[in-house]
C-alpha atoms as a PDB file:
ATOM      1  CA  UNK A   1       0.030   0.199   0.231  1.00  0.00           C
ATOM      2  CA  UNK A   2       2.431   2.577   0.782  1.00  0.00           C
ATOM      3  CA  UNK A   3       4.030   1.688  -2.435  1.00  0.00           C
ATOM      4  CA  UNK A   4       0.396   3.090  -4.163  1.00  0.00           C
ATOM      5  CA  UNK A   5       0.878   5.841  -1.446  1.00  0.00           C
ATOM      6  CA  UNK A   6       4.567   6.964  -2.866  1.00  0.00           C
ATOM      7  CA  UNK A   7       3.587   6.795  -6.271  1.00  0.00           C
ATOM      8  CA  UNK A   8       0.656   9.101  -5.705  1.00  0.00           C
ATOM      9  CA  UNK A   9       2.235  10.952  -3.727  1.00  0.00           C
ATOM     10  CA  UNK A  10       5.199  12.266  -6.281  1.00  0.00           C
ATOM     11  CA  UNK A  11       2.124  12.646  -9.023  1.00  0.00           C
ATOM     12  CA  UNK A  12       1.102  15.279  -6.032  1.00  0.00           C
ATOM     13  CA  UNK A  13       3.980  16.952  -5.607  1.00  0.00           C
ATOM     14  CA  UNK A  14       4.293  17.475  -9.457  1.00  0.00           C
ATOM     15  CA  UNK A  15       0.709  19.196  -9.116  1.00  0.00           C
ATOM     16  CA  UNK A  16       1.812  21.425  -6.708  1.00  0.00           C
ATOM     17  CA  UNK A  17       4.342  22.581  -8.877  1.00  0.00           C
ATOM     18  CA  UNK A  18       2.280  22.900 -11.916  1.00  0.00           C
ATOM     19  CA  UNK A  19      -0.055  25.138  -9.943  1.00  0.00           C
ATOM     20  CA  UNK A  20       2.936  27.060  -8.855  1.00  0.00           C
ATOM     21  CA  UNK A  21       4.306  27.608 -11.966  1.00  0.00           C
ATOM     22  CA  UNK A  22       0.812  28.825 -13.106  1.00  0.00           C
ATOM     23  CA  UNK A  23      -0.079  31.142 -10.193  1.00  0.00           C
ATOM     24  CA  UNK A  24       2.193  34.016 -11.403  1.00  0.00           C
ATOM     25  CA  UNK A  25      -0.401  34.384 -13.977  1.00  0.00           C
ATOM     26  CA  UNK A  26      -3.623  32.724 -12.714  1.00  0.00           C
ATOM     27  CA  UNK A  27      -6.055  33.711 -10.452  1.00  0.00           C
ATOM     28  CA  UNK A  28      -4.821  35.587  -7.260  1.00  0.00           C
ATOM     29  CA  UNK A  29      -4.065  33.464  -4.235  1.00  0.00           C
ATOM     30  CA  UNK A  30      -3.216  30.500  -6.131  1.00  0.00           C
ATOM     31  CA  UNK A  31       0.199  30.068  -4.394  1.00  0.00           C
ATOM     32  CA  UNK A  32      -0.676  29.904  -1.121  1.00  0.00           C
ATOM     33  CA  UNK A  33      -3.332  27.288  -2.608  1.00  0.00           C
ATOM     34  CA  UNK A  34      -0.697  25.862  -4.352  1.00  0.00           C
ATOM     35  CA  UNK A  35       1.404  25.486  -1.054  1.00  0.00           C
ATOM     36  CA  UNK A  36      -1.652  23.877   1.326  1.00  0.00           C
ATOM     37  CA  UNK A  37      -2.054  21.208  -1.756  1.00  0.00           C
ATOM     38  CA  UNK A  38       1.451  20.522  -0.970  1.00  0.00           C
ATOM     39  CA  UNK A  39       1.466  20.253   2.802  1.00  0.00           C
ATOM     40  CA  UNK A  40      -2.368  18.589   2.230  1.00  0.00           C
ATOM     41  CA  UNK A  41      -2.318  16.144  -0.536  1.00  0.00           C
ATOM     42  CA  UNK A  42       0.294  13.700   0.260  1.00  0.00           C
ATOM     43  CA  UNK A  43      -0.606  13.622   3.515  1.00  0.00           C
ATOM     44  CA  UNK A  44      -3.628  12.184   3.492  1.00  0.00           C
ATOM     45  CA  UNK A  45      -2.252   9.831   1.385  1.00  0.00           C
ATOM     46  CA  UNK A  46      -0.143   8.597   3.048  1.00  0.00           C
ATOM     47  CA  UNK A  47      -3.101   8.565   6.087  1.00  0.00           C
ATOM     48  CA  UNK A  48      -5.248   6.845   3.974  1.00  0.00           C
ATOM     49  CA  UNK A  49      -2.397   3.884   3.463  1.00  0.00           C
ATOM     50  CA  UNK A  50      -1.429   3.153   7.694  1.00  0.00           C
ATOM     51  CA  UNK A  51      -5.160   4.007   8.334  1.00  0.00           C
ATOM     52  CA  UNK A  52      -6.636   1.290   7.564  1.00  0.00           C
ATOM     53  CA  UNK A  53      -4.554  -1.786   8.619  1.00  0.00           C
ATOM     54  CA  UNK A  54      -7.829  -4.336   9.538  1.00  0.00           C
ATOM     55  CA  UNK A  55      -9.531  -4.128   5.861  1.00  0.00           C
ATOM     56  CA  UNK A  56      -8.113  -6.320   3.582  1.00  0.00           C
ATOM     57  CA  UNK A  57      -5.461  -5.973   1.348  1.00  0.00           C
ATOM     58  CA  UNK A  58      -7.713  -5.775  -1.535  1.00  0.00           C
ATOM     59  CA  UNK A  59      -9.972  -3.105   0.376  1.00  0.00           C
ATOM     60  CA  UNK A  60      -6.507  -0.726   1.512  1.00  0.00           C
ATOM     61  CA  UNK A  61      -5.696  -0.626  -1.855  1.00  0.00           C
ATOM     62  CA  UNK A  62      -9.077   0.824  -3.556  1.00  0.00           C
ATOM     63  CA  UNK A  63      -8.817   3.188  -0.834  1.00  0.00           C
ATOM     64  CA  UNK A  64      -5.589   4.437  -1.081  1.00  0.00           C
ATOM     65  CA  UNK A  65      -6.013   4.106  -4.626  1.00  0.00           C
ATOM     66  CA  UNK A  66      -9.841   6.844  -4.768  1.00  0.00           C
ATOM     67  CA  UNK A  67      -7.819   9.115  -2.430  1.00  0.00           C
ATOM     68  CA  UNK A  68      -4.576   9.416  -4.106  1.00  0.00           C
ATOM     69  CA  UNK A  69      -7.576  10.282  -7.646  1.00  0.00           C
ATOM     70  CA  UNK A  70      -9.458  12.327  -5.214  1.00  0.00           C
ATOM     71  CA  UNK A  71      -5.908  14.454  -4.269  1.00  0.00           C
ATOM     72  CA  UNK A  72      -5.057  14.080  -8.153  1.00  0.00           C
ATOM     73  CA  UNK A  73      -8.569  15.762  -9.412  1.00  0.00           C
ATOM     74  CA  UNK A  74      -9.073  18.172  -6.722  1.00  0.00           C
ATOM     75  CA  UNK A  75      -6.219  20.001  -8.135  1.00  0.00           C
ATOM     76  CA  UNK A  76      -7.884  21.400 -11.448  1.00  0.00           C
ATOM     77  CA  UNK A  77     -11.253  21.507 -10.097  1.00  0.00           C
ATOM     78  CA  UNK A  78     -10.025  24.059  -7.625  1.00  0.00           C
ATOM     79  CA  UNK A  79      -7.705  26.411 -10.484  1.00  0.00           C
ATOM     80  CA  UNK A  80     -11.296  25.999 -12.460  1.00  0.00           C
ATOM     81  CA  UNK A  81     -13.329  27.117  -9.351  1.00  0.00           C
ATOM     82  CA  UNK A  82     -11.295  30.047  -8.473  1.00  0.00           C
ATOM     83  CA  UNK A  83     -10.630  31.430 -12.214  1.00  0.00           C
ATOM     84  CA  UNK A  84     -14.544  31.018 -12.302  1.00  0.00           C
ATOM     85  CA  UNK A  85     -15.213  33.293  -9.401  1.00  0.00           C
ATOM     86  CA  UNK A  86     -12.393  35.796 -10.178  1.00  0.00           C
ATOM     87  CA  UNK A  87     -13.827  35.798 -13.744  1.00  0.00           C
ATOM     88  CA  UNK A  88     -17.218  36.380 -12.145  1.00  0.00           C
ATOM     89  CA  UNK A  89     -15.612  39.281  -9.080  1.00  0.00           C
ATOM     90  CA  UNK A  90     -13.819  40.776 -12.749  1.00  0.00           C
ATOM     91  CA  UNK A  91     -17.374  41.615 -14.959  1.00  0.00           C
ATOM     92  CA  UNK A  92     -18.434  42.894 -11.499  1.00  0.00           C
ATOM     93  CA  UNK A  93     -15.805  45.204 -11.221  1.00  0.00           C
ATOM     94  CA  UNK A  94     -15.867  46.120 -14.866  1.00  0.00           C
ATOM     95  CA  UNK A  95     -19.735  46.614 -14.765  1.00  0.00           C
ATOM     96  CA  UNK A  96     -18.982  49.273 -11.060  1.00  0.00           C
ATOM     97  CA  UNK A  97     -16.299  51.188 -12.924  1.00  0.00           C
ATOM     98  CA  UNK A  98     -17.333  54.361 -14.341  1.00  0.00           C
ATOM     99  CA  UNK A  99     -15.805  56.605 -16.871  1.00  0.00           C
ATOM    100  CA  UNK A 100     -16.253  59.754 -17.333  1.00  0.00           C
ATOM    101  CA  UNK A 101     -15.078  63.404 -18.988  1.00  0.00           C
ATOM    102  CA  UNK A 102     -13.486  61.571 -21.129  1.00  0.00           C
ATOM    103  CA  UNK A 103     -11.763  63.993 -24.575  1.00  0.00           C
ATOM    104  CA  UNK A 104      -9.290  63.237 -27.060  1.00  0.00           C
ATOM    105  CA  UNK A 105      -6.733  65.947 -29.155  1.00  0.00           C
ATOM    106  CA  UNK A 106      -4.465  65.833 -31.479  1.00  0.00           C
ATOM    107  CA  UNK A 107      -0.253  65.855 -30.743  1.00  0.00           C
ATOM    108  CA  UNK A 108       1.536  67.372 -32.706  1.00  0.00           C
ATOM    109  CA  UNK A 109       5.267  67.293 -34.274  1.00  0.00           C
ATOM    110  CA  UNK A 110       7.218  70.088 -34.400  1.00  0.00           C
ATOM    111  CA  UNK A 111       6.327  70.853 -37.598  1.00  0.00           C
ATOM    112  CA  UNK A 112       3.207  71.289 -36.867  1.00  0.00           C
ATOM    113  CA  UNK A 113       1.791  67.490 -38.185  1.00  0.00           C
ATOM    114  CA  UNK A 114      -0.373  65.627 -36.230  1.00  0.00           C
ATOM    115  CA  UNK A 115       1.538  62.489 -35.113  1.00  0.00           C
ATOM    116  CA  UNK A 116      -0.722  61.024 -32.044  1.00  0.00           C
ATOM    117  CA  UNK A 117      -3.765  61.285 -30.188  1.00  0.00           C
ATOM    118  CA  UNK A 118      -3.992  62.778 -26.320  1.00  0.00           C
ATOM    119  CA  UNK A 119      -6.692  60.770 -24.702  1.00  0.00           C
ATOM    120  CA  UNK A 120      -7.780  62.016 -21.299  1.00  0.00           C
ATOM    121  CA  UNK A 121     -10.369  60.634 -18.875  1.00  0.00           C
ATOM    122  CA  UNK A 122     -12.000  60.207 -15.461  1.00  0.00           C
ATOM    123  CA  UNK A 123     -11.634  56.422 -13.857  1.00  0.00           C
ATOM    124  CA  UNK A 124     -13.741  55.877 -10.609  1.00  0.00           C
ATOM    125  CA  UNK A 125     -13.124  52.679  -9.260  1.00  0.00           C
ATOM    126  CA  UNK A 126     -15.043  50.395  -6.351  1.00  0.00           C
ATOM    127  CA  UNK A 127     -12.253  47.535  -5.885  1.00  0.00           C
ATOM    128  CA  UNK A 128      -9.042  47.764  -6.847  1.00  0.00           C
ATOM    129  CA  UNK A 129      -7.644  46.596 -10.470  1.00  0.00           C
ATOM    130  CA  UNK A 130      -4.636  46.042 -11.841  1.00  0.00           C
ATOM    131  CA  UNK A 131      -3.655  49.560 -13.726  1.00  0.00           C
ATOM    132  CA  UNK A 132      -2.592  47.688 -16.702  1.00  0.00           C
ATOM    133  CA  UNK A 133      -5.210  46.828 -18.647  1.00  0.00           C
ATOM    134  CA  UNK A 134      -7.225  50.257 -18.305  1.00  0.00           C
ATOM    135  CA  UNK A 135      -5.485  51.856 -21.260  1.00  0.00           C
ATOM    136  CA  UNK A 136      -7.830  52.729 -24.467  1.00  0.00           C
ATOM    137  CA  UNK A 137      -7.155  51.848 -28.270  1.00  0.00           C
ATOM    138  CA  UNK A 138      -8.151  54.042 -31.002  1.00  0.00           C
ATOM    139  CA  UNK A 139      -8.912  52.709 -34.146  1.00  0.00           C
ATOM    140  CA  UNK A 140     -10.946  53.045 -37.772  1.00  0.00           C
ATOM    141  CA  UNK A 141     -14.351  53.111 -37.941  1.00  0.00           C
ATOM    142  CA  UNK A 142     -14.030  51.405 -42.039  1.00  0.00           C
ATOM    143  CA  UNK A 143     -14.307  47.562 -40.910  1.00  0.00           C
ATOM    144  CA  UNK A 144     -11.385  47.614 -44.544  1.00  0.00           C
ATOM    145  CA  UNK A 145      -9.177  49.335 -42.745  1.00  0.00           C
ATOM    146  CA  UNK A 146      -9.322  47.246 -39.623  1.00  0.00           C
ATOM    147  CA  UNK A 147      -4.936  47.682 -39.711  1.00  0.00           C
ATOM    148  CA  UNK A 148      -5.545  51.197 -38.765  1.00  0.00           C
ATOM    149  CA  UNK A 149      -5.259  51.996 -35.005  1.00  0.00           C
ATOM    150  CA  UNK A 150      -3.029  53.626 -32.245  1.00  0.00           C
ATOM    151  CA  UNK A 151      -1.898  52.341 -29.468  1.00  0.00           C
ATOM    152  CA  UNK A 152      -1.210  53.904 -25.987  1.00  0.00           C
ATOM    153  CA  UNK A 153       2.735  54.627 -26.130  1.00  0.00           C
ATOM    154  CA  UNK A 154       2.852  56.862 -22.790  1.00  0.00           C
ATOM    155  CA  UNK A 155       0.366  57.053 -19.942  1.00  0.00           C
ATOM    156  CA  UNK A 156      -0.236  58.973 -16.797  1.00  0.00           C
ATOM    157  CA  UNK A 157      -1.917  58.634 -13.801  1.00  0.00           C
ATOM    158  CA  UNK A 158      -2.621  61.557 -11.193  1.00  0.00           C
ATOM    159  CA  UNK A 159       0.147  62.806 -13.194  1.00  0.00           C
ATOM    160  CA  UNK A 160       3.079  60.605 -12.750  1.00  0.00           C
ATOM    161  CA  UNK A 161       3.710  58.281 -15.676  1.00  0.00           C
ATOM    162  CA  UNK A 162       2.593  55.123 -14.858  1.00  0.00           C
ATOM    163  CA  UNK A 163       3.127  51.157 -16.215  1.00  0.00           C
ATOM    164  CA  UNK A 164       2.383  48.487 -14.525  1.00  0.00           C
ATOM    165  CA  UNK A 165       0.862  48.002 -10.932  1.00  0.00           C
ATOM    166  CA  UNK A 166      -2.307  48.504  -8.897  1.00  0.00           C
ATOM    167  CA  UNK A 167      -4.906  51.356  -8.811  1.00  0.00           C
ATOM    168  CA  UNK A 168      -6.838  51.619  -5.170  1.00  0.00           C
ATOM    169  CA  UNK A 169     -10.314  51.856  -5.482  1.00  0.00           C
ATOM    170  CA  UNK A 170     -11.519  56.352  -5.525  1.00  0.00           C
ATOM    171  CA  UNK A 171     -11.476  58.340  -8.475  1.00  0.00           C
ATOM    172  CA  UNK A 172      -8.151  58.720 -10.818  1.00  0.00           C
ATOM    173  CA  UNK A 173      -7.458  60.840 -13.940  1.00  0.00           C
ATOM    174  CA  UNK A 174      -5.957  59.881 -17.006  1.00  0.00           C
ATOM    175  CA  UNK A 175      -4.066  61.645 -19.688  1.00  0.00           C
ATOM    176  CA  UNK A 176      -2.919  58.523 -22.618  1.00  0.00           C
ATOM    177  CA  UNK A 177      -0.521  59.569 -25.432  1.00  0.00           C
ATOM    178  CA  UNK A 178      -1.489  57.372 -28.608  1.00  0.00           C
ATOM    179  CA  UNK A 179       0.890  56.500 -31.370  1.00  0.00           C
ATOM    180  CA  UNK A 180       0.847  54.797 -34.231  1.00  0.00           C
ATOM    181  CA  UNK A 181       2.305  51.215 -33.908  1.00  0.00           C
ATOM    182  CA  UNK A 182       5.498  51.700 -35.069  1.00  0.00           C
ATOM    183  CA  UNK A 183       6.364  54.512 -31.908  1.00  0.00           C
ATOM    184  CA  UNK A 184       7.902  53.503 -28.959  1.00  0.00           C
ATOM    185  CA  UNK A 185       9.545  54.994 -25.671  1.00  0.00           C
ATOM    186  CA  UNK A 186      13.095  55.767 -25.413  1.00  0.00           C
ATOM    187  CA  UNK A 187      15.039  55.488 -21.955  1.00  0.00           C
ATOM    188  CA  UNK A 188      14.213  59.077 -21.183  1.00  0.00           C
ATOM    189  CA  UNK A 189      10.187  57.896 -21.583  1.00  0.00           C
ATOM    190  CA  UNK A 190       9.784  60.172 -24.752  1.00  0.00           C
ATOM    191  CA  UNK A 191       7.898  58.802 -27.945  1.00  0.00           C
ATOM    192  CA  UNK A 192      10.363  57.978 -30.407  1.00  0.00           C
ATOM    193  CA  UNK A 193      10.178  55.196 -34.309  1.00  0.00           C
ATOM    194  CA  UNK A 194      10.670  51.767 -32.745  1.00  0.00           C
ATOM    195  CA  UNK A 195      10.102  50.226 -36.145  1.00  0.00           C
ATOM    196  CA  UNK A 196       9.153  50.285 -39.356  1.00  0.00           C
ATOM    197  CA  UNK A 197       6.329  49.393 -41.720  1.00  0.00           C
ATOM    198  CA  UNK A 198       3.306  51.181 -43.083  1.00  0.00           C
ATOM    199  CA  UNK A 199      -0.660  50.289 -42.790  1.00  0.00           C
ATOM    200  CA  UNK A 200      -0.556  48.592 -46.070  1.00  0.00           C
ATOM    201  CA  UNK A 201      -4.153  48.890 -48.222  1.00  0.00           C
ATOM    202  CA  UNK A 202      -5.021  51.569 -46.074  1.00  0.00           C
ATOM    203  CA  UNK A 203      -6.037  54.500 -47.502  1.00  0.00           C
ATOM    204  CA  UNK A 204      -5.556  58.155 -46.594  1.00  0.00           C
ATOM    205  CA  UNK A 205      -9.257  59.396 -44.538  1.00  0.00           C
ATOM    206  CA  UNK A 206     -10.117  61.739 -42.031  1.00  0.00           C
ATOM    207  CA  UNK A 207     -13.278  60.827 -39.356  1.00  0.00           C
ATOM    208  CA  UNK A 208     -13.854  60.427 -36.088  1.00  0.00           C
ATOM    209  CA  UNK A 209     -12.096  56.833 -34.400  1.00  0.00           C
ATOM    210  CA  UNK A 210     -13.885  54.515 -32.586  1.00  0.00           C
ATOM    211  CA  UNK A 211     -12.571  54.362 -28.662  1.00  0.00           C
ATOM    212  CA  UNK A 212     -12.371  51.406 -26.508  1.00  0.00           C
ATOM    213  CA  UNK A 213     -10.783  51.505 -22.625  1.00  0.00           C
ATOM    214  CA  UNK A 214      -9.863  48.317 -21.737  1.00  0.00           C
ATOM    215  CA  UNK A 215     -11.153  46.466 -18.333  1.00  0.00           C
ATOM    216  CA  UNK A 216     -14.705  48.724 -17.957  1.00  0.00           C
ATOM    217  CA  UNK A 217     -17.431  48.601 -20.878  1.00  0.00           C
ATOM    218  CA  UNK A 218     -16.493  52.003 -22.014  1.00  0.00           C
ATOM    219  CA  UNK A 219     -17.003  50.900 -26.167  1.00  0.00           C
ATOM    220  CA  UNK A 220     -17.758  47.306 -25.233  1.00  0.00           C
ATOM    221  CA  UNK A 221     -21.646  46.924 -26.656  1.00  0.00           C
ATOM    222  CA  UNK A 222     -20.683  43.485 -25.943  1.00  0.00           C
ATOM    223  CA  UNK A 223     -20.384  44.034 -22.020  1.00  0.00           C
ATOM    224  CA  UNK A 224     -22.793  46.487 -21.571  1.00  0.00           C
ATOM    225  CA  UNK A 225     -22.207  49.420 -23.491  1.00  0.00           C
ATOM    226  CA  UNK A 226     -22.174  51.301 -26.018  1.00  0.00           C
ATOM    227  CA  UNK A 227     -19.911  52.241 -28.851  1.00  0.00           C
ATOM    228  CA  UNK A 228     -18.174  55.029 -28.217  1.00  0.00           C
ATOM    229  CA  UNK A 229     -15.980  57.537 -30.814  1.00  0.00           C
ATOM    230  CA  UNK A 230     -13.502  60.497 -30.423  1.00  0.00           C
ATOM    231  CA  UNK A 231     -15.015  64.163 -30.596  1.00  0.00           C
ATOM    232  CA  UNK A 232     -12.420  65.278 -32.863  1.00  0.00           C
ATOM    233  CA  UNK A 233     -11.497  63.995 -36.995  1.00  0.00           C
ATOM    234  CA  UNK A 234      -8.050  62.338 -37.149  1.00  0.00           C
ATOM    235  CA  UNK A 235      -6.068  60.276 -40.329  1.00  0.00           C
ATOM    236  CA  UNK A 236      -4.311  57.665 -38.725  1.00  0.00           C
ATOM    237  CA  UNK A 237      -2.741  56.955 -42.196  1.00  0.00           C
ATOM    238  CA  UNK A 238      -1.809  60.199 -42.147  1.00  0.00           C
ATOM    239  CA  UNK A 239      -0.652  60.443 -38.411  1.00  0.00           C
ATOM    240  CA  UNK A 240       1.743  57.023 -39.801  1.00  0.00           C
ATOM    241  CA  UNK A 241       3.501  59.155 -42.646  1.00  0.00           C
ATOM    242  CA  UNK A 242       3.560  61.779 -40.627  1.00  0.00           C
ATOM    243  CA  UNK A 243       5.757  60.004 -37.936  1.00  0.00           C
ATOM    244  CA  UNK A 244       8.080  58.940 -40.940  1.00  0.00           C
ATOM    245  CA  UNK A 245       8.682  61.774 -42.181  1.00  0.00           C
ATOM    246  CA  UNK A 246      10.837  62.931 -39.589  1.00  0.00           C
ATOM    247  CA  UNK A 247       7.641  63.729 -36.812  1.00  0.00           C
ATOM    248  CA  UNK A 248       9.500  61.755 -34.591  1.00  0.00           C
ATOM    249  CA  UNK A 249      13.766  60.354 -33.552  1.00  0.00           C
ATOM    250  CA  UNK A 250      14.474  57.088 -33.956  1.00  0.00           C
ATOM    251  CA  UNK A 251      15.388  55.062 -31.054  1.00  0.00           C
ATOM    252  CA  UNK A 252      18.134  54.301 -29.855  1.00  0.00           C
ATOM    253  CA  UNK A 253      19.529  51.209 -29.284  1.00  0.00           C
ATOM    254  CA  UNK A 254      20.972  50.139 -26.043  1.00  0.00           C
ATOM    255  CA  UNK A 255      24.867  49.302 -26.013  1.00  0.00           C
ATOM    256  CA  UNK A 256      26.990  47.498 -23.175  1.00  0.00           C
END
């Protein structure tokens, strides 16, 4: 019986390591669950191997196998349950998040050409959230120009530069600089050209852009919101050309 128990204990140890690895990108608290599983599952399996000495060998074997299978199946069940709970809580947090005072204005190069869009908005949070996903995306409203979009390159939260981290409940002011996909940031946090290429097949056209803000329902009809557009008209293809034509410097490579 102990040999069977040892086999299951080894399996449970690997399952605990798997839970620990998944915890990096999985539900919050999964790391503690993995540690608890590593301590409890092998202990119960070993206990079952010696607890029922008065039973027949077959019965004892079935009990050990049953406990081992139960412990092995418990891990994915707990993971799925925690993931579902976090998903439900996330959906509720998204529904409770309020976006207001949304404004947009063009970002101009030194030559006065449009090279991006600055979007500002106020967000009211009812729960602590990861700020990494609360970023806008601007895109063409023409389905044929799906390649035309502006991504969040630099953002400020409550007046300071922000990249990742958690935001506490309450009101926060976001200011996000949106540029074509070829724009990145240099070591000083200033925009620069980090890539090449062009939005192939995209015609230049001036018009309002669709706007969506991640981790909220702003701009997402399927989340219960409504489609939102910028207040001003922009030409993303022209912005792309203006950037390449000298609107921004090239990013400097970091050398040792």
